[in-house]
N, C-alpha and C. Protein backbone atom coordinates (compact mmCIF):
# COMPACT_ATOMS: atom_id res chain seq x y z
N UNK A 1 95.42 71.76 96.79
CA UNK A 1 96.76 72.29 96.77
C UNK A 1 97.71 71.16 97.11
N UNK A 2 98.72 70.97 96.31
CA UNK A 2 99.72 69.95 96.58
C UNK A 2 100.89 70.59 97.31
N UNK A 3 101.31 69.99 98.41
CA UNK A 3 102.44 70.50 99.17
C UNK A 3 103.47 69.40 99.35
N UNK A 4 104.72 69.81 99.49
CA UNK A 4 105.80 68.90 99.80
C UNK A 4 106.58 69.51 100.95
N UNK A 5 106.69 68.81 102.06
CA UNK A 5 107.44 69.27 103.22
C UNK A 5 108.66 68.38 103.40
N UNK A 6 109.80 69.00 103.72
CA UNK A 6 111.04 68.24 103.92
C UNK A 6 112.01 69.06 104.74
N UNK A 7 113.05 68.43 105.22
CA UNK A 7 114.12 69.14 105.93
C UNK A 7 115.34 69.22 105.02
N UNK A 8 115.96 70.40 104.99
CA UNK A 8 117.16 70.56 104.17
C UNK A 8 118.37 70.02 104.92
N UNK A 9 119.56 70.14 104.33
CA UNK A 9 120.77 69.58 104.93
C UNK A 9 121.09 70.21 106.28
N UNK A 10 120.66 71.47 106.50
CA UNK A 10 120.92 72.14 107.77
C UNK A 10 119.83 71.83 108.81
N UNK A 11 118.85 71.01 108.44
CA UNK A 11 117.80 70.64 109.37
C UNK A 11 116.61 71.58 109.40
N UNK A 12 116.61 72.60 108.53
CA UNK A 12 115.50 73.54 108.50
C UNK A 12 114.32 72.94 107.73
N UNK A 13 113.13 73.23 108.21
CA UNK A 13 111.93 72.76 107.53
C UNK A 13 111.70 73.60 106.28
N UNK A 14 111.47 72.93 105.18
CA UNK A 14 111.17 73.60 103.91
C UNK A 14 109.85 73.04 103.40
N UNK A 15 109.06 73.89 102.77
CA UNK A 15 107.78 73.49 102.23
C UNK A 15 107.65 74.03 100.82
N UNK A 16 107.24 73.17 99.91
CA UNK A 16 106.94 73.59 98.54
C UNK A 16 105.44 73.53 98.36
N UNK A 17 104.86 74.57 97.79
CA UNK A 17 103.44 74.55 97.50
C UNK A 17 103.22 74.91 96.03
N UNK A 18 102.15 74.41 95.49
CA UNK A 18 101.80 74.74 94.11
C UNK A 18 100.76 75.84 94.17
N UNK A 19 101.06 76.95 93.50
CA UNK A 19 100.14 78.09 93.48
C UNK A 19 99.43 78.17 92.14
N UNK A 20 98.35 78.93 92.10
CA UNK A 20 97.58 79.07 90.88
C UNK A 20 98.17 80.16 89.99
N UNK A 21 98.40 81.37 90.57
CA UNK A 21 98.95 82.48 89.81
C UNK A 21 99.40 83.57 90.77
N UNK A 22 100.29 84.45 90.29
CA UNK A 22 100.65 85.62 91.07
C UNK A 22 99.56 86.66 90.89
N UNK A 23 99.07 87.20 92.00
CA UNK A 23 98.01 88.20 91.96
C UNK A 23 98.57 89.62 91.91
N UNK A 24 99.50 89.91 92.82
CA UNK A 24 100.11 91.23 92.92
C UNK A 24 101.30 91.12 93.85
N UNK A 25 101.99 92.23 94.11
CA UNK A 25 103.11 92.20 95.06
C UNK A 25 103.20 93.54 95.79
N UNK A 26 103.92 93.51 96.90
CA UNK A 26 104.18 94.71 97.68
C UNK A 26 105.67 95.03 97.55
N UNK A 27 106.00 96.28 97.29
CA UNK A 27 107.41 96.65 97.11
C UNK A 27 108.09 97.06 98.41
N UNK A 28 107.29 97.33 99.46
CA UNK A 28 107.85 97.73 100.75
C UNK A 28 106.81 97.51 101.84
N UNK A 29 107.25 97.61 103.09
CA UNK A 29 106.30 97.47 104.19
C UNK A 29 105.29 98.61 104.13
N UNK A 30 105.73 99.78 103.79
CA UNK A 30 104.82 100.93 103.67
C UNK A 30 103.75 100.65 102.61
N UNK A 31 104.15 100.06 101.50
CA UNK A 31 103.20 99.68 100.44
C UNK A 31 102.19 98.68 100.99
N UNK A 32 102.66 97.70 101.77
CA UNK A 32 101.76 96.71 102.37
C UNK A 32 100.77 97.37 103.32
N UNK A 33 101.27 98.24 104.20
CA UNK A 33 100.41 98.93 105.18
C UNK A 33 99.32 99.73 104.47
N UNK A 34 99.71 100.45 103.44
CA UNK A 34 98.77 101.37 102.79
C UNK A 34 97.80 100.70 101.82
N UNK A 35 98.17 99.54 101.26
CA UNK A 35 97.33 99.02 100.18
C UNK A 35 96.87 97.57 100.30
N UNK A 36 97.27 96.86 101.33
CA UNK A 36 96.94 95.43 101.41
C UNK A 36 95.44 95.16 101.35
N UNK A 37 94.67 95.80 102.21
CA UNK A 37 93.23 95.52 102.24
C UNK A 37 92.58 95.79 100.89
N UNK A 38 92.91 96.91 100.28
CA UNK A 38 92.31 97.27 99.00
C UNK A 38 92.71 96.28 97.90
N UNK A 39 93.99 95.91 97.85
CA UNK A 39 94.44 94.97 96.81
C UNK A 39 93.79 93.60 96.95
N UNK A 40 93.73 93.07 98.18
CA UNK A 40 93.07 91.78 98.37
C UNK A 40 91.60 91.86 97.95
N UNK A 41 90.92 92.93 98.37
CA UNK A 41 89.50 93.09 98.02
C UNK A 41 89.32 93.22 96.51
N UNK A 42 90.16 94.02 95.85
CA UNK A 42 90.05 94.22 94.39
C UNK A 42 90.27 92.93 93.61
N UNK A 43 91.09 92.03 94.15
CA UNK A 43 91.37 90.76 93.48
C UNK A 43 90.42 89.65 93.93
N UNK A 44 89.53 89.96 94.88
CA UNK A 44 88.56 88.96 95.34
C UNK A 44 89.18 87.85 96.17
N UNK A 45 90.28 88.17 96.87
CA UNK A 45 90.97 87.16 97.69
C UNK A 45 91.09 87.62 99.12
N UNK A 46 91.32 86.64 100.00
CA UNK A 46 91.55 86.89 101.42
C UNK A 46 92.78 86.10 101.84
N UNK A 47 93.09 86.15 103.12
CA UNK A 47 94.23 85.38 103.63
C UNK A 47 94.02 83.88 103.49
N UNK A 48 92.78 83.44 103.28
CA UNK A 48 92.53 82.01 103.13
C UNK A 48 92.59 81.54 101.68
N UNK A 49 92.67 82.47 100.74
CA UNK A 49 92.74 82.07 99.32
C UNK A 49 94.00 82.60 98.65
N UNK A 50 94.94 83.10 99.43
CA UNK A 50 96.19 83.61 98.89
C UNK A 50 97.31 83.37 99.89
N UNK A 51 98.53 83.34 99.40
CA UNK A 51 99.71 83.19 100.25
C UNK A 51 100.71 84.27 99.85
N UNK A 52 101.32 84.90 100.87
CA UNK A 52 102.30 85.97 100.65
C UNK A 52 103.69 85.40 100.92
N UNK A 53 104.61 85.61 99.98
CA UNK A 53 105.96 85.04 100.09
C UNK A 53 106.99 86.11 99.75
N UNK A 54 107.98 86.29 100.65
CA UNK A 54 109.00 87.30 100.36
C UNK A 54 110.04 86.75 99.38
N UNK A 55 111.01 87.57 99.01
CA UNK A 55 111.95 87.16 97.96
C UNK A 55 112.88 86.02 98.36
N UNK A 56 112.93 85.71 99.67
CA UNK A 56 113.75 84.58 100.13
C UNK A 56 112.90 83.34 100.43
N UNK A 57 111.59 83.41 100.16
CA UNK A 57 110.74 82.26 100.36
C UNK A 57 110.03 82.19 101.70
N UNK A 58 110.18 83.23 102.54
CA UNK A 58 109.49 83.24 103.82
C UNK A 58 108.02 83.57 103.61
N UNK A 59 107.13 82.76 104.17
CA UNK A 59 105.70 83.03 104.10
C UNK A 59 105.36 84.10 105.13
N UNK A 60 104.65 85.11 104.69
CA UNK A 60 104.26 86.22 105.56
C UNK A 60 102.76 86.16 105.81
N UNK A 61 102.40 86.03 107.09
CA UNK A 61 100.99 85.93 107.47
C UNK A 61 100.62 87.07 108.41
N UNK A 62 101.50 87.37 109.34
CA UNK A 62 101.24 88.40 110.35
C UNK A 62 102.12 89.63 110.11
N UNK A 63 101.71 90.71 110.73
CA UNK A 63 102.43 91.97 110.59
C UNK A 63 103.91 91.88 110.93
N UNK A 64 104.24 91.12 111.98
CA UNK A 64 105.65 91.02 112.37
C UNK A 64 106.48 90.33 111.29
N UNK A 65 105.85 89.46 110.49
CA UNK A 65 106.58 88.81 109.39
C UNK A 65 106.78 89.79 108.24
N UNK A 66 105.79 90.63 107.98
CA UNK A 66 105.95 91.64 106.93
C UNK A 66 106.99 92.67 107.35
N UNK A 67 107.14 92.89 108.65
CA UNK A 67 108.10 93.86 109.16
C UNK A 67 109.54 93.43 108.87
N UNK A 68 109.81 92.13 108.89
CA UNK A 68 111.17 91.64 108.66
C UNK A 68 111.35 91.02 107.27
N UNK A 69 110.31 91.09 106.46
CA UNK A 69 110.36 90.46 105.12
C UNK A 69 111.37 91.14 104.21
N UNK A 70 111.86 90.36 103.26
CA UNK A 70 112.72 90.89 102.19
C UNK A 70 111.80 91.17 101.00
N UNK A 71 111.60 92.44 100.74
CA UNK A 71 110.68 92.83 99.66
C UNK A 71 111.36 92.73 98.31
N UNK A 72 110.59 92.45 97.25
CA UNK A 72 109.13 92.45 97.21
C UNK A 72 108.54 91.19 97.82
N UNK A 73 107.33 91.35 98.37
CA UNK A 73 106.53 90.22 98.85
C UNK A 73 105.48 89.96 97.78
N UNK A 74 105.50 88.77 97.23
CA UNK A 74 104.55 88.42 96.16
C UNK A 74 103.36 87.68 96.75
N UNK A 75 102.20 87.95 96.19
CA UNK A 75 100.96 87.35 96.67
C UNK A 75 100.45 86.41 95.58
N UNK A 76 100.27 85.15 95.94
CA UNK A 76 99.84 84.12 94.99
C UNK A 76 98.48 83.57 95.39
N UNK A 77 97.66 83.26 94.40
CA UNK A 77 96.38 82.60 94.66
C UNK A 77 96.64 81.12 94.92
N UNK A 78 95.92 80.57 95.90
CA UNK A 78 95.96 79.14 96.18
C UNK A 78 94.52 78.65 96.18
N UNK A 79 94.34 77.36 95.96
CA UNK A 79 92.98 76.84 95.86
C UNK A 79 92.43 76.29 97.17
N UNK A 80 93.22 76.35 98.24
CA UNK A 80 92.77 75.90 99.55
C UNK A 80 93.35 76.82 100.62
N UNK A 81 92.78 76.83 101.81
CA UNK A 81 93.28 77.68 102.89
C UNK A 81 94.72 77.34 103.27
N UNK A 82 95.40 78.28 103.95
CA UNK A 82 96.76 78.00 104.43
C UNK A 82 96.78 76.73 105.28
N UNK A 83 97.95 76.15 105.42
CA UNK A 83 98.09 74.86 106.09
C UNK A 83 99.23 74.91 107.08
N UNK A 84 99.28 73.90 107.95
CA UNK A 84 100.37 73.73 108.90
C UNK A 84 100.99 72.38 108.64
N UNK A 85 102.07 72.34 107.84
CA UNK A 85 102.69 71.05 107.54
C UNK A 85 103.32 70.42 108.78
N UNK A 86 103.30 69.12 108.83
CA UNK A 86 103.92 68.41 109.93
C UNK A 86 104.92 67.42 109.36
N UNK A 87 106.15 67.55 109.81
CA UNK A 87 107.21 66.64 109.37
C UNK A 87 107.82 66.02 110.61
N UNK A 88 108.01 64.73 110.59
CA UNK A 88 108.62 64.05 111.72
C UNK A 88 110.08 64.45 111.83
N UNK A 89 110.55 64.69 113.03
CA UNK A 89 111.95 65.07 113.27
C UNK A 89 112.86 63.99 112.71
N UNK A 90 113.89 64.42 111.99
CA UNK A 90 114.85 63.50 111.44
C UNK A 90 114.43 62.85 110.13
N UNK A 91 113.27 63.14 109.67
CA UNK A 91 112.78 62.55 108.41
C UNK A 91 113.58 63.12 107.25
N UNK A 92 114.08 62.29 106.38
CA UNK A 92 114.92 62.72 105.27
C UNK A 92 114.15 62.83 103.95
N UNK A 93 113.16 61.97 103.77
CA UNK A 93 112.42 61.95 102.51
C UNK A 93 111.29 62.97 102.54
N UNK A 94 110.98 63.58 101.40
CA UNK A 94 109.85 64.51 101.33
C UNK A 94 108.53 63.81 101.67
N UNK A 95 107.62 64.58 102.20
CA UNK A 95 106.28 64.08 102.52
C UNK A 95 105.31 64.70 101.52
N UNK A 96 104.68 63.88 100.71
CA UNK A 96 103.70 64.37 99.74
C UNK A 96 102.35 64.41 100.43
N UNK A 97 101.69 65.56 100.35
CA UNK A 97 100.38 65.71 100.98
C UNK A 97 99.48 66.50 100.06
N UNK A 98 98.21 66.27 100.18
CA UNK A 98 97.25 67.07 99.45
C UNK A 98 96.29 67.66 100.47
N UNK A 99 96.17 68.99 100.43
CA UNK A 99 95.23 69.67 101.28
C UNK A 99 95.46 69.50 102.77
N UNK A 100 96.68 69.73 103.21
CA UNK A 100 96.93 69.68 104.65
C UNK A 100 96.09 70.75 105.33
N UNK A 101 95.53 70.45 106.46
CA UNK A 101 94.69 71.44 107.14
C UNK A 101 95.19 71.69 108.54
């Protein structure tokens, strides 16, 4: 998985990732609560082979993130487990990384 981490003009950390394909989406938190396990299982994916992103680009991993997400939340297949990007404070140029772990 190729990722690019950078800070925007307001100083917020932004990360771009390359995904394989969209698998499915959730239209509401209720939809997520009722169908997440079944949908992941039916598509043969887990939290380590997919990433959930709301309509504003927030990655949703835990329940509290799905609670405040802007739906729909789209689920994309990725070829590597989720990552924790590290960007040095004040860094202006993007950081190209492959397979951050």
